[in-house]
Protein backbone atom coordinates (compact mmCIF):
# COMPACT_ATOMS: atom_id res chain seq x y z
CA MET A 1 -0.19 0.01 -0.08
CA PRO A 2 1.23 3.51 -0.36
CA LEU A 3 3.04 5.22 2.02
CA ALA A 4 0.46 8.21 3.69
CA ASP A 5 1.82 11.90 3.47
CA THR A 6 4.57 11.27 5.65
CA LEU A 7 6.80 13.85 4.00
CA ASN A 8 4.12 16.66 5.01
CA ARG A 9 3.86 15.52 8.49
CA LYS A 10 4.35 18.48 11.05
CA PRO A 11 6.07 17.66 14.59
CA GLY A 12 3.39 16.80 16.93
CA ASP A 13 1.02 14.99 14.36
CA ILE A 14 -0.08 11.83 15.43
CA LEU A 15 2.10 8.42 13.93
CA LYS A 16 -0.50 5.40 13.34
CA SER A 17 0.53 1.98 13.40
CA ASP A 18 -0.30 1.63 9.53
CA ASP A 19 2.08 4.61 9.06
CA TRP A 20 4.71 2.71 10.83
CA ASN A 21 4.34 -0.75 8.95
CA VAL A 22 4.64 1.17 5.33
CA ILE A 23 7.45 2.88 6.27
CA ILE A 24 9.20 -0.32 7.67
CA LYS A 25 8.08 -2.10 4.49
CA GLU A 26 9.31 0.73 2.22
CA ILE A 27 12.81 0.69 3.49
CA ASP A 28 13.27 -2.77 3.26
CA ARG A 29 12.16 -2.38 -0.45
CA LYS A 30 14.37 0.60 -0.84
CA ILE A 31 17.36 -1.46 0.48
CA ASN A 32 17.14 -4.32 -1.55
CA ARG A 33 15.93 -2.61 -4.89
CA ASP A 34 12.66 -4.42 -5.10
CA GLY A 35 10.61 -2.57 -7.57
CA ALA A 36 11.14 0.12 -10.26
CA ASP A 37 12.48 3.27 -8.60
CA THR A 38 13.55 6.49 -10.39
CA LEU A 39 16.97 7.92 -9.48
CA LYS A 40 16.30 11.63 -9.74
CA GLY A 41 20.02 12.39 -8.57
CA PRO A 42 23.37 10.94 -9.06
CA LEU A 43 24.42 7.74 -7.96
CA THR A 44 27.34 6.83 -6.76
CA ILE A 45 28.79 3.26 -6.34
CA THR A 46 32.17 2.62 -4.75
CA GLU A 47 32.15 -0.90 -4.77
CA ALA A 48 31.18 -3.33 -7.89
CA LEU A 49 27.71 -3.32 -9.44
CA LYS A 50 26.20 -6.34 -10.38
CA VAL A 51 23.02 -6.61 -12.56
CA ASN A 52 21.15 -10.18 -12.59
CA SER A 53 18.83 -9.08 -15.33
CA SER A 54 18.66 -6.79 -18.24
CA VAL A 55 19.36 -2.95 -17.87
CA ILE A 56 17.69 -0.42 -20.18
CA ILE A 57 19.34 3.20 -20.43
CA SER A 58 17.08 5.55 -22.00
CA GLY A 59 19.70 8.16 -21.84
CA ASN A 60 23.26 8.80 -22.28
CA LEU A 61 25.85 6.40 -20.31
CA SER A 62 29.12 7.81 -19.67
CA VAL A 63 31.90 5.80 -18.59
CA THR A 64 35.05 7.55 -17.22
CA ASN A 65 37.66 4.61 -17.91
CA VAL A 66 36.51 1.07 -19.33
CA LEU A 67 33.10 -0.36 -19.95
CA GLU A 68 33.41 -4.02 -19.51
CA ILE A 69 30.99 -6.56 -20.56
CA GLY A 70 31.00 -10.44 -20.27
CA ASP A 71 32.92 -12.37 -17.92
CA PRO A 72 35.73 -11.12 -15.49
CA PRO A 73 38.49 -10.24 -17.50
CA PHE A 74 42.14 -11.24 -16.75
CA ALA A 75 44.16 -8.99 -14.49
CA GLY A 76 47.52 -7.39 -15.56
CA ASN A 77 49.42 -8.17 -19.12
CA THR A 78 48.18 -11.61 -19.23
CA GLY A 79 45.80 -13.38 -21.72
CA GLY A 80 44.08 -10.83 -23.88
CA ASN A 81 44.46 -8.21 -21.21
CA ARG A 82 46.91 -5.39 -21.12
CA ASP A 83 47.74 -2.45 -18.66
CA TRP A 84 47.23 0.03 -21.19
CA MET A 85 43.88 -0.65 -22.03
CA GLN A 86 42.36 2.11 -19.59
CA LYS A 87 40.05 3.83 -22.02
CA GLY A 88 37.22 1.98 -24.22
CA ILE A 89 34.99 -1.01 -24.25
CA LYS A 90 36.13 -4.57 -23.31
CA ILE A 91 34.12 -7.47 -24.33
CA ASN A 92 35.23 -10.61 -22.58
CA TRP A 93 34.41 -14.27 -23.45
CA ASP A 94 36.07 -17.41 -21.39
CA SER A 95 39.67 -16.28 -22.34
CA ASP A 96 39.43 -14.26 -25.42
CA SER A 97 38.26 -10.37 -25.38
CA LEU A 98 38.07 -7.68 -27.76
CA PHE A 99 39.02 -4.08 -26.71
CA ILE A 100 38.40 -1.21 -28.73
CA GLY A 101 39.27 2.08 -27.25
CA LEU A 102 42.33 4.65 -26.80
CA LYS A 103 46.31 3.77 -26.18
CA ASN A 104 48.11 6.67 -24.67
CA GLU A 105 51.18 7.17 -26.91
CA GLY A 106 52.55 10.53 -25.13
CA THR A 107 51.09 14.14 -25.17
CA ASN A 108 48.46 14.61 -27.84
CA ARG A 109 48.89 10.61 -28.73
CA LYS A 110 45.79 9.00 -27.90
CA ASP A 111 45.63 6.40 -30.74
CA ALA A 112 42.77 4.49 -31.65
CA VAL A 113 43.23 0.85 -31.01
CA ILE A 114 41.01 -2.24 -31.81
CA ALA A 115 42.93 -4.99 -29.89
CA TRP A 116 41.79 -8.69 -29.72
CA GLY A 117 42.54 -12.68 -28.85
CA ASP A 118 44.69 -14.45 -26.76
CA ASP A 119 46.11 -17.27 -29.32
CA PRO A 120 47.60 -17.46 -32.58
CA GLN A 121 43.92 -18.83 -33.75
CA ASP A 122 42.09 -15.74 -32.66
CA ASP A 123 41.03 -13.91 -35.95
CA LEU A 124 39.12 -10.36 -36.24
CA ARG A 125 36.51 -10.88 -38.29
CA PHE A 126 34.26 -8.27 -40.19
CA VAL A 127 30.65 -9.94 -40.82
CA ASN A 128 27.71 -8.31 -42.75
CA VAL A 129 24.13 -9.64 -41.38
CA LEU A 130 21.35 -8.88 -43.67
CA ALA A 131 17.38 -9.21 -43.14
CA GLY A 132 16.92 -12.84 -44.24
CA GLY A 133 20.21 -13.70 -45.05
CA GLU A 134 22.53 -16.63 -43.80
CA VAL A 135 22.20 -17.14 -40.01
CA GLN A 136 25.86 -16.85 -39.65
CA GLY A 137 26.04 -13.52 -41.70
CA LYS A 138 28.41 -13.16 -44.53
CA GLU A 139 32.21 -12.24 -43.82
CA LEU A 140 33.55 -9.57 -45.72
CA MET A 141 37.13 -9.28 -44.29
CA ARG A 142 39.14 -11.07 -41.75
CA ILE A 143 42.41 -9.90 -40.01
CA LYS A 144 44.97 -12.98 -38.77
CA PRO A 145 47.21 -12.38 -35.63
CA SER A 146 50.02 -12.63 -38.13
CA GLY A 147 49.00 -9.69 -39.85
CA ASN A 148 47.42 -10.93 -42.80
CA VAL A 149 44.35 -9.54 -43.96
CA GLY A 150 41.83 -11.59 -46.15
CA ILE A 151 38.82 -9.76 -48.26
CA GLY A 152 36.44 -12.95 -49.30
CA THR A 153 38.51 -15.59 -47.93
CA ASN A 154 38.80 -16.74 -44.22
CA ASN A 155 42.24 -18.23 -44.66
CA PRO A 156 44.80 -15.56 -46.18
CA ILE A 157 47.69 -16.57 -47.25
CA ALA A 158 49.40 -13.17 -47.99
CA SER A 159 49.55 -9.61 -46.28
CA LEU A 160 46.69 -8.99 -48.34
CA ASP A 161 44.55 -11.75 -50.13
CA ILE A 162 41.71 -11.01 -52.10
CA ALA A 163 39.16 -13.59 -53.69
CA SER A 164 36.20 -12.18 -55.52
CA ALA A 165 34.93 -15.52 -56.03
CA SER A 166 34.81 -19.18 -54.12
CA ARG A 167 38.25 -20.54 -54.99
CA THR A 168 38.77 -23.92 -56.49
CA GLY A 169 41.92 -25.96 -57.00
CA THR A 170 45.15 -25.87 -55.70
CA HIS A 171 46.73 -22.50 -54.24
CA PRO A 172 49.55 -21.89 -52.29
CA THR A 173 50.22 -21.90 -48.68
CA ALA A 174 52.03 -18.59 -48.40
CA VAL A 175 52.60 -15.83 -50.82
CA LYS A 176 54.54 -12.50 -49.98
CA GLY A 177 52.72 -9.39 -50.39
CA LEU A 178 49.57 -9.50 -52.61
CA TYR A 179 47.36 -12.63 -53.63
CA ILE A 180 44.05 -11.86 -55.36
CA THR A 181 42.11 -14.40 -57.52
CA GLY A 182 38.61 -14.43 -59.05
CA ASP A 183 36.44 -15.44 -62.17
CA PHE A 184 38.26 -13.11 -64.49
CA ASN A 185 38.16 -12.92 -68.23
CA ALA A 186 41.04 -13.13 -70.64
CA ASP A 187 41.15 -9.59 -71.72
CA ASN A 188 38.72 -7.39 -69.16
CA ASP A 189 36.80 -8.26 -66.39
CA GLY A 190 40.11 -8.60 -64.17
CA VAL A 191 42.35 -6.83 -61.53
CA GLU A 192 42.76 -2.94 -62.85
CA PHE A 193 44.62 -0.01 -61.92
CA ARG A 194 43.34 2.82 -63.24
CA HIS A 195 43.89 6.94 -63.81
CA SER A 196 41.55 8.91 -61.60
CA ASN A 197 39.96 10.05 -64.43
CA ALA A 198 39.04 6.53 -65.26
CA THR A 199 40.16 6.66 -69.11
CA GLN A 200 43.11 4.55 -69.05
CA GLY A 201 45.03 2.14 -67.15
CA ILE A 202 46.17 -1.61 -66.83
CA GLY A 203 44.36 -4.87 -66.21
CA PHE A 204 45.18 -8.42 -65.32
CA GLY A 205 43.23 -10.87 -66.66
CA PHE A 206 43.17 -14.78 -67.28
CA ASN A 207 46.73 -15.19 -68.19
CA THR A 208 46.16 -11.74 -69.89
CA ILE A 209 47.85 -7.92 -69.24
CA TYR A 210 45.26 -5.89 -70.88
CA ALA A 211 44.57 -2.01 -71.35
CA ALA A 212 41.76 -0.84 -69.39
CA GLY A 213 40.09 2.31 -69.15
CA SER A 214 37.35 4.25 -70.92
CA ASN A 215 39.41 5.05 -73.94
CA ALA A 216 37.95 3.16 -77.03
CA ASN A 217 41.74 2.85 -78.38
CA GLN A 218 44.42 2.51 -75.77
CA ASP A 219 48.14 1.65 -76.16
CA LEU A 220 49.87 -0.76 -73.44
CA GLY A 221 53.19 -0.59 -72.78
CA LEU A 222 55.93 -2.22 -70.85
CA LYS A 223 58.88 0.14 -70.09
CA PRO A 224 62.42 -1.12 -68.40
CA LYS A 225 64.23 1.21 -65.88
CA GLY A 226 67.47 2.71 -67.50
CA THR A 227 69.55 0.19 -69.46
CA GLY A 228 67.06 -2.34 -68.67
CA GLU A 229 65.49 -4.57 -70.97
CA VAL A 230 61.78 -6.31 -71.66
CA LYS A 231 62.45 -9.66 -71.60
CA VAL A 232 61.01 -12.80 -72.90
CA SER A 233 62.18 -16.19 -71.86
CA GLY A 234 59.84 -18.33 -74.16
CA SER A 235 58.49 -17.95 -77.59
CA LEU A 236 56.93 -14.53 -78.64
CA SER A 237 53.35 -14.52 -80.82
CA VAL A 238 52.69 -11.64 -82.53
CA SER A 239 49.20 -11.94 -84.49
CA GLY A 240 49.45 -8.13 -85.31
CA ILE A 241 52.26 -5.98 -86.88
CA VAL A 242 55.38 -5.22 -85.15
CA LYS A 243 56.55 -1.76 -84.86
CA ALA A 244 59.91 -0.90 -83.41
CA GLN A 245 62.31 1.68 -83.37
CA ALA A 246 64.86 -0.95 -82.82
CA LEU A 247 64.57 -4.63 -82.89
CA THR A 248 66.92 -6.87 -81.58
CA LEU A 249 66.96 -10.28 -81.61
CA SER A 250 69.23 -12.65 -79.36
CA GLN A 251 69.48 -16.28 -78.64
CA SER A 252 71.62 -18.68 -76.39
CA GLY A 253 70.94 -21.53 -78.62
CA GLY A 254 72.99 -23.52 -81.05
CA GLN A 255 73.27 -22.50 -84.71
CA SER A 256 70.20 -24.40 -85.66
CA SER A 257 67.93 -22.73 -82.81
CA GLY A 258 65.79 -20.12 -84.28
CA MET A 259 65.54 -16.66 -83.58
CA ALA A 260 63.36 -14.94 -86.21
CA SER A 261 61.76 -16.70 -89.21
CA PHE A 262 60.54 -15.29 -92.41
CA MET A 263 58.19 -17.59 -94.28
CA SER A 264 56.65 -17.31 -97.66
CA LYS A 265 54.17 -20.13 -99.50
CA ASN A 266 54.36 -17.73 -102.46
CA PRO A 267 56.16 -18.49 -105.87
CA GLU A 268 58.62 -15.71 -105.04
CA PRO A 269 60.87 -15.69 -101.71
CA PRO A 270 60.21 -13.39 -98.70
CA TYR A 271 61.14 -9.97 -98.77
CA ILE A 272 61.99 -7.82 -95.38
CA ASN A 273 61.17 -4.47 -96.86
CA TRP A 274 62.34 -1.36 -95.53
CA TYR A 275 60.51 1.85 -95.48
CA HIS A 276 60.70 5.60 -94.41
CA SER A 277 59.07 8.66 -94.53
CA ARG A 278 60.84 11.98 -93.62
CA SER A 279 57.53 13.79 -93.15
CA GLY A 280 56.00 11.08 -90.98
CA ALA A 281 52.82 10.94 -93.25
CA ASP A 282 52.04 7.65 -94.77
CA GLN A 283 51.59 9.00 -98.00
CA ASP A 284 55.70 9.88 -98.18
CA LEU A 285 56.55 6.21 -97.26
CA LYS A 286 59.22 4.85 -99.82
CA ARG A 287 60.98 1.66 -99.77
CA TYR A 288 64.68 2.36 -99.87
CA GLY A 289 65.99 -0.83 -100.01
CA TYR A 290 65.09 -4.90 -99.03
CA ILE A 291 66.51 -8.14 -98.04
CA GLN A 292 65.42 -11.15 -100.17
CA ALA A 293 66.05 -14.75 -99.44
CA GLY A 294 67.31 -16.85 -102.50
CA ASP A 295 65.60 -20.33 -103.22
CA ASP A 296 66.30 -23.45 -105.03
CA GLY A 297 66.13 -21.39 -108.65
CA ILE A 298 68.23 -18.37 -107.40
CA LYS A 299 71.01 -19.46 -105.03
CA GLU A 300 71.64 -16.05 -103.15
CA PHE A 301 71.07 -13.68 -100.67
CA ARG A 302 70.10 -10.46 -101.97
CA PHE A 303 70.59 -7.11 -100.23
CA VAL A 304 68.82 -4.19 -102.68
CA ALA A 305 69.10 -0.52 -102.28
CA GLU A 306 66.33 1.57 -104.17
CA ASN A 307 65.39 4.91 -104.54
CA GLY A 308 68.88 6.62 -104.70
CA ALA A 309 70.01 4.93 -101.74
CA ASN A 310 73.36 3.82 -100.84
CA PHE A 311 74.41 0.56 -99.86
CA LYS A 312 76.81 0.12 -97.17
CA PHE A 313 77.49 -2.22 -94.01
CA SER A 314 76.80 0.26 -91.22
CA GLY A 315 76.56 -2.27 -88.19
CA GLY A 316 77.73 -5.38 -87.07
CA ASN A 317 80.87 -7.76 -88.18
CA LEU A 318 82.04 -8.05 -91.61
CA THR A 319 84.02 -11.13 -91.89
CA VAL A 320 86.85 -11.87 -94.51
CA SER A 321 87.92 -15.10 -94.73
CA GLY A 322 91.17 -14.09 -96.31
CA ASP A 323 93.25 -11.22 -95.76
CA LEU A 324 91.99 -7.71 -95.95
CA SER A 325 94.35 -4.82 -96.97
CA VAL A 326 93.61 -1.01 -96.73
CA THR A 327 95.90 1.16 -98.35
CA GLY A 328 93.94 4.54 -97.50
CA SER A 329 91.98 5.40 -93.96
CA VAL A 330 89.55 3.17 -92.27
CA SER A 331 86.69 4.84 -91.27
CA PHE A 332 83.95 3.44 -88.70
CA GLY A 333 81.48 6.03 -89.12
CA SER A 334 79.88 8.11 -86.20
CA GLN A 335 77.33 5.20 -84.79
CA VAL A 336 78.73 4.31 -81.36
CA ARG A 337 79.36 0.52 -81.45
CA GLN A 338 82.15 -2.03 -80.72
CA MET A 339 84.04 -1.06 -84.21
CA LEU A 340 86.58 -3.60 -83.98
CA ASN A 341 86.61 -6.94 -82.90
CA LEU A 342 90.26 -8.36 -82.31
CA TRP A 343 89.02 -12.29 -81.29
CA SER A 344 85.21 -12.42 -81.60
CA THR A 345 83.39 -9.77 -79.53
CA GLY A 346 84.95 -10.42 -76.40
CA TYR A 347 88.29 -8.95 -77.40
CA GLY A 348 87.65 -5.46 -79.18
CA ILE A 349 87.45 -1.74 -79.47
CA GLY A 350 84.77 0.61 -79.53
CA ILE A 351 82.95 4.06 -78.98
CA GLN A 352 80.33 4.87 -76.53
CA ASN A 353 78.76 8.38 -76.08
CA GLY A 354 81.58 10.08 -74.77
CA THR A 355 84.19 7.28 -74.05
CA GLN A 356 86.49 5.11 -75.95
CA TYR A 357 86.85 1.47 -74.64
CA PHE A 358 88.87 -1.44 -74.78
CA ARG A 359 87.14 -4.60 -74.12
CA SER A 360 89.06 -7.91 -72.81
CA ASP A 361 87.34 -11.28 -71.31
CA ARG A 362 90.46 -12.03 -69.45
CA ASN A 363 93.62 -9.56 -68.87
CA PHE A 364 94.69 -6.47 -70.28
CA ALA A 365 98.78 -5.99 -70.70
CA TRP A 366 101.24 -3.26 -72.06
CA TYR A 367 104.58 -4.70 -73.18
CA GLN A 368 107.74 -2.84 -73.75
CA GLY A 369 109.57 -4.82 -76.71
CA GLY A 370 109.83 -8.62 -77.25
CA SER A 371 107.95 -10.30 -80.06
CA HIS A 372 104.32 -12.47 -79.73
CA ASN A 373 103.90 -15.16 -77.60
CA ASP A 374 100.91 -17.41 -77.24
CA ALA A 375 100.80 -17.96 -73.36
CA GLU A 376 99.01 -15.71 -71.23
CA LEU A 377 100.70 -12.72 -69.76
CA ASN A 378 104.00 -13.74 -71.45
CA ALA A 379 105.87 -10.65 -72.88
CA GLY A 380 107.50 -12.36 -75.19
CA GLY A 381 111.06 -11.22 -73.81
CA GLY A 382 110.05 -7.77 -73.57
CA THR A 383 108.93 -5.86 -70.52
CA SER A 384 105.71 -5.93 -68.78
CA LEU A 385 104.90 -2.11 -68.18
CA MET A 386 101.41 -2.75 -66.45
CA THR A 387 99.01 -5.25 -66.15
CA LEU A 388 95.23 -5.42 -65.60
CA HIS A 389 94.12 -8.83 -64.54
CA SER A 390 90.77 -10.27 -64.74
CA ASN A 391 89.97 -9.98 -61.07
CA GLY A 392 90.37 -6.26 -61.78
CA ASN A 393 93.85 -5.90 -60.00
CA LEU A 394 96.25 -3.60 -61.67
CA SER A 395 100.03 -4.33 -61.39
CA VAL A 396 102.56 -1.42 -62.45
CA SER A 397 106.36 -2.12 -62.51
CA GLY A 398 106.63 1.55 -61.94
CA GLY A 399 105.36 4.41 -59.91
CA ILE A 400 101.65 5.51 -59.96
CA TYR A 401 100.92 9.08 -59.96
CA ALA A 402 97.76 11.30 -59.34
CA ALA A 403 98.39 14.95 -60.22
CA ASN A 404 95.42 17.49 -59.17
CA SER A 405 92.91 14.39 -59.08
CA ASP A 406 91.71 12.08 -56.45
CA ILE A 407 91.82 8.31 -55.99
CA TYR A 408 88.58 6.35 -55.25
CA PHE A 409 87.71 2.95 -53.76
CA THR A 410 84.21 2.34 -54.27
CA LYS A 411 83.65 -1.13 -53.40
CA THR A 412 81.61 -1.52 -50.34
CA ASP A 413 82.56 -4.83 -49.28
CA HIS A 414 85.01 -5.71 -46.94
CA ASN A 415 88.46 -5.07 -49.21
CA HIS A 416 90.74 -2.65 -48.30
CA THR A 417 93.74 -0.61 -49.24
CA GLY A 418 96.94 -2.34 -47.68
CA ILE A 419 100.10 -0.42 -47.04
CA GLY A 420 103.02 -2.98 -46.94
CA ASN A 421 102.72 -6.64 -47.53
CA THR A 422 103.94 -8.38 -44.45
CA SER A 423 101.93 -9.48 -41.48
CA GLY A 424 100.53 -6.37 -39.47
CA TYR A 425 100.53 -4.62 -42.54
CA ALA A 426 98.56 -1.38 -42.12
CA ALA A 427 95.08 -0.78 -44.09
CA ILE A 428 92.33 1.48 -44.81
CA GLU A 429 89.06 -0.47 -45.18
CA ASN A 430 85.29 -0.44 -44.79
CA ASP A 431 83.71 -2.00 -41.38
CA GLY A 432 83.30 -5.60 -42.11
CA ALA A 433 80.04 -5.86 -40.30
CA ASN A 434 77.69 -3.84 -41.66
CA TYR A 435 79.81 -1.70 -44.09
CA GLU A 436 78.75 1.72 -42.33
CA ALA A 437 82.11 2.89 -41.06
CA LEU A 438 85.85 3.66 -42.39
CA MET A 439 88.35 1.68 -40.91
CA ILE A 440 92.03 3.10 -40.47
CA LEU A 441 94.37 -0.10 -39.34
CA GLY A 442 97.71 1.11 -37.94
CA ARG A 443 100.71 -1.08 -38.73
CA THR A 444 101.54 -3.59 -35.70
CA ARG A 445 104.49 -2.42 -33.39
CA GLY A 446 106.60 -4.28 -31.70
CA ASP A 447 104.57 -5.97 -28.66
CA LYS A 448 101.92 -3.39 -28.71
CA ALA A 449 98.56 -3.36 -30.60
CA ARG A 450 97.99 -1.56 -33.87
CA TYR A 451 98.80 2.23 -33.63
CA VAL A 452 98.01 4.77 -36.09
CA ASN A 453 99.51 8.43 -35.57
CA LEU A 454 97.80 11.50 -37.00
CA TYR A 455 100.10 14.29 -37.19
CA ASP A 456 98.99 18.27 -37.52
CA ASN A 457 95.31 19.11 -36.90
CA VAL A 458 92.45 16.62 -36.97
CA GLU A 459 88.80 18.06 -37.23
CA VAL A 460 85.70 15.97 -36.71
CA ASN A 461 82.67 17.72 -38.29
CA GLY A 462 80.38 14.95 -36.73
CA ASN A 463 80.46 13.23 -33.19
CA LEU A 464 83.61 11.83 -32.26
CA GLN A 465 83.16 8.12 -30.06
CA VAL A 466 85.86 6.52 -28.39
CA ASN A 467 84.86 2.86 -27.09
CA GLN A 468 88.03 2.59 -24.60
CA ALA A 469 90.65 5.06 -23.08
CA LEU A 470 90.97 8.60 -24.39
CA SER A 471 94.36 9.85 -23.30
CA TYR A 472 95.17 13.93 -24.23
CA GLN A 473 97.35 16.43 -22.78
CA SER A 474 94.85 19.40 -23.01
CA GLN A 475 91.21 20.00 -23.81
CA ARG A 476 89.38 23.00 -25.50
CA GLN A 477 85.45 23.14 -25.58
CA PHE A 478 84.23 25.64 -28.12
CA SER A 479 81.69 27.65 -26.06
CA SER A 480 81.34 30.89 -28.04
CA ARG A 481 77.72 32.76 -27.68
CA LYS A 482 77.61 32.89 -31.62
CA LEU A 483 77.26 29.19 -31.41
CA LYS A 484 74.34 28.81 -29.02
CA LYS A 485 70.80 30.10 -28.85
CA ASN A 486 68.01 29.59 -26.19
CA ILE A 487 70.14 30.73 -23.37
CA LEU A 488 69.00 30.48 -19.95
CA ASP A 489 70.19 30.59 -16.25
CA ILE A 490 69.85 27.39 -14.66
CA SER A 491 68.02 27.66 -11.31
CA ALA A 492 69.51 27.05 -7.95
CA GLU A 493 66.77 24.62 -7.14
CA GLU A 494 67.06 22.66 -10.28
CA ALA A 495 70.76 22.56 -9.86
CA VAL A 496 70.51 21.24 -6.52
CA GLN A 497 67.99 18.66 -7.11
CA SER A 498 69.90 17.37 -10.13
CA LEU A 499 73.24 17.22 -8.17
CA ALA A 500 71.28 15.52 -5.20
CA GLN A 501 70.29 12.57 -7.87
CA LEU A 502 73.68 12.08 -8.92
CA ASN A 503 75.28 8.63 -7.76
CA PRO A 504 78.84 8.06 -8.07
CA VAL A 505 80.00 4.45 -8.45
CA LYS A 506 82.96 2.70 -9.19
CA TYR A 507 82.83 -0.12 -12.13
CA ASN A 508 84.83 -2.13 -14.99
CA LEU A 509 84.48 -1.51 -18.59
CA LYS A 510 83.83 -4.46 -20.34
CA ALA A 511 86.18 -3.78 -23.16
CA ASP A 512 88.37 -2.91 -21.11
CA LYS A 513 91.09 -6.19 -21.36
CA ASP A 514 93.17 -4.61 -18.50
CA ASN A 515 89.98 -4.50 -15.96
CA ASN A 516 90.85 -1.16 -14.90
CA LEU A 517 88.91 0.39 -12.20
CA HIS A 518 86.91 3.53 -13.04
CA LEU A 519 84.68 6.13 -11.36
CA GLY A 520 81.97 7.71 -12.52
CA PHE A 521 78.20 7.71 -13.24
CA ILE A 522 75.49 5.38 -14.79
CA ALA A 523 73.91 7.21 -17.95
CA GLU A 524 70.67 5.56 -17.48
CA ASP A 525 70.62 6.62 -13.72
CA VAL A 526 71.39 10.10 -13.93
CA PRO A 527 68.93 13.14 -14.42
CA ASP A 528 67.79 14.43 -17.56
CA LEU A 529 70.11 17.41 -17.29
CA VAL A 530 73.42 15.43 -17.48
CA ALA A 531 72.35 12.26 -19.87
CA SER A 532 71.93 12.42 -23.55
CA ARG A 533 68.64 11.32 -25.00
CA ASP A 534 69.18 7.92 -25.84
CA ARG A 535 70.70 7.22 -22.00
CA GLN A 536 73.81 6.16 -23.23
CA THR A 537 76.22 8.83 -22.62
CA ILE A 538 76.63 11.89 -19.79
CA SER A 539 78.20 15.09 -20.29
CA ASN A 540 80.63 16.39 -17.69
CA ASP A 541 80.46 19.93 -18.72
CA HIS A 542 76.98 19.55 -17.63
CA ILE A 543 77.56 18.44 -14.21
CA VAL A 544 80.26 21.21 -13.97
CA ALA A 545 77.65 23.52 -14.70
CA LEU A 546 75.48 22.28 -11.91
CA LEU A 547 78.39 22.20 -9.54
CA THR A 548 79.24 26.17 -10.26
CA LYS A 549 75.56 26.77 -10.04
CA VAL A 550 75.48 24.71 -6.50
CA ILE A 551 78.99 26.05 -5.17
CA LYS A 552 77.93 29.79 -6.24
CA GLU A 553 74.54 29.29 -4.39
CA GLN A 554 76.45 28.16 -1.29
CA GLU A 555 78.86 31.06 -1.66
CA LYS A 556 75.93 33.48 -1.56
CA ARG A 557 74.36 31.53 1.44
CA LEU A 558 77.94 31.76 3.30
CA LEU A 559 77.91 35.37 2.81
CA GLU A 560 74.71 36.14 3.92
CA LEU A 561 75.28 33.66 7.26
CA ALA A 562 78.70 35.72 7.40
CA GLU A 563 76.81 39.06 7.39
CA LYS A 564 74.48 37.84 9.95
CA VAL A 565 77.02 36.60 12.56
CA GLU A 566 78.78 40.06 12.22
CA THR A 567 75.18 41.76 12.77
CA LEU A 568 74.79 39.49 15.91
CA GLU A 569 78.55 40.12 17.11
CA LYS A 570 78.09 43.70 16.86
CA LYS A 571 74.55 43.69 19.21
CA SER A 572 76.15 41.50 21.76
């Protein structure tokens, strides 16, 4: 029964037994939350809130830290739980969990995070549930703990695996990077990359690379980089016309292996015609020559020039089985190429753009005097002045002078420039581990280790790192105001506080073979004003600055105390 008008009772009014019973029942109901209540003010719960039935919130629900749904979570960095999961929503079920929230990565860096799973079998799935659709829903995308992303497949085998149709047949178990499958056509309806205006692009269909885009006619190009080539390892079948500024045919088989075939079933042997139009117009095309193969009736191979053209060999090799005597000059023209083959194409002389070169399959040698000898690197009784060996080594019988120029050693692996030819020679070489540093190795001197003596002045424009002891007679440090910015005074408080945090220790260096005792500090333990950003080094100058500030502050306080003592003595 409802409570009587208790709230409006005045002192001295009569309290009936029925009113008392109603009050007791209402207090009991309020304590046990038995019945529908309306909270008009804020509700504060200092402990856990447990709800055994559904809770309907028609307004906003504000949670300061984490809203947890499901089973009780793991504590600490166990299972799918992490200590950094402090702002967001967590859904727990058995040992698995899903966290959607923010991760604190520093000032103004609260990154959005989706974290899930506690073992390698837990996937992140994106499922679409349509009205009247599949009971389990349609999986659109899946992310594996390995980082593989699958679209249209529940078992991605690549970093990005896209299946636009159900897969059949045998597929690889792992692919690097990208793997795409679908019911593609041969020359359209495949995987396409288009320009943003959609007019042109490239597509990959069923065993076909095709031109894509809205253009009715679109070229398809294959372009190598630099001096690279577009190579076809198998046979190349062309059903249309081949247009080329230059066409080079090469083969690695025997003499009988086919490179290019020109066949004719007409009564006349096949032609290779050469046309040219200076204006570029088709109506100006003229045939300036042709090559015609012979047949059983005419056993010859014809090279014919027409329309006033001259006939000459301007490229390739001209083989003469007998002697060739030239009484005048020999001109090779102005086309860059290997112009003279001394023994096949492996030994010759040629011209490149701005370069005259000499080619050898083995060695180069310069002899003075003597006569020909067939043996390798045999001067034939003469003197060998210089030899460039097949391994790249250059041997010179005299001195090498480099006037007003530099000498570079551009090979980056662990080769060096040695000085001397006995054990313990000095050398200049690359760092043997990662090829990231230049090493100067001094010559072994008696019972001492290698020494490198640098005379005059040495200027280091970067950092100087000494991994063992550094000995010097004097030291100066650049400290001009011209080199500095943001100059501020060190406060006495921060100097005293930083100095108090310094903890002197004694230690041995791991790289010190003599195991000498050292005194100093640990970079990871010193205050920020003293340590480098990477916490690997400390600055003694910073410590001196702190000591100076503290000493000056103490000197100031001593003077103040002295004045106070003097004042007290005068009063007494």
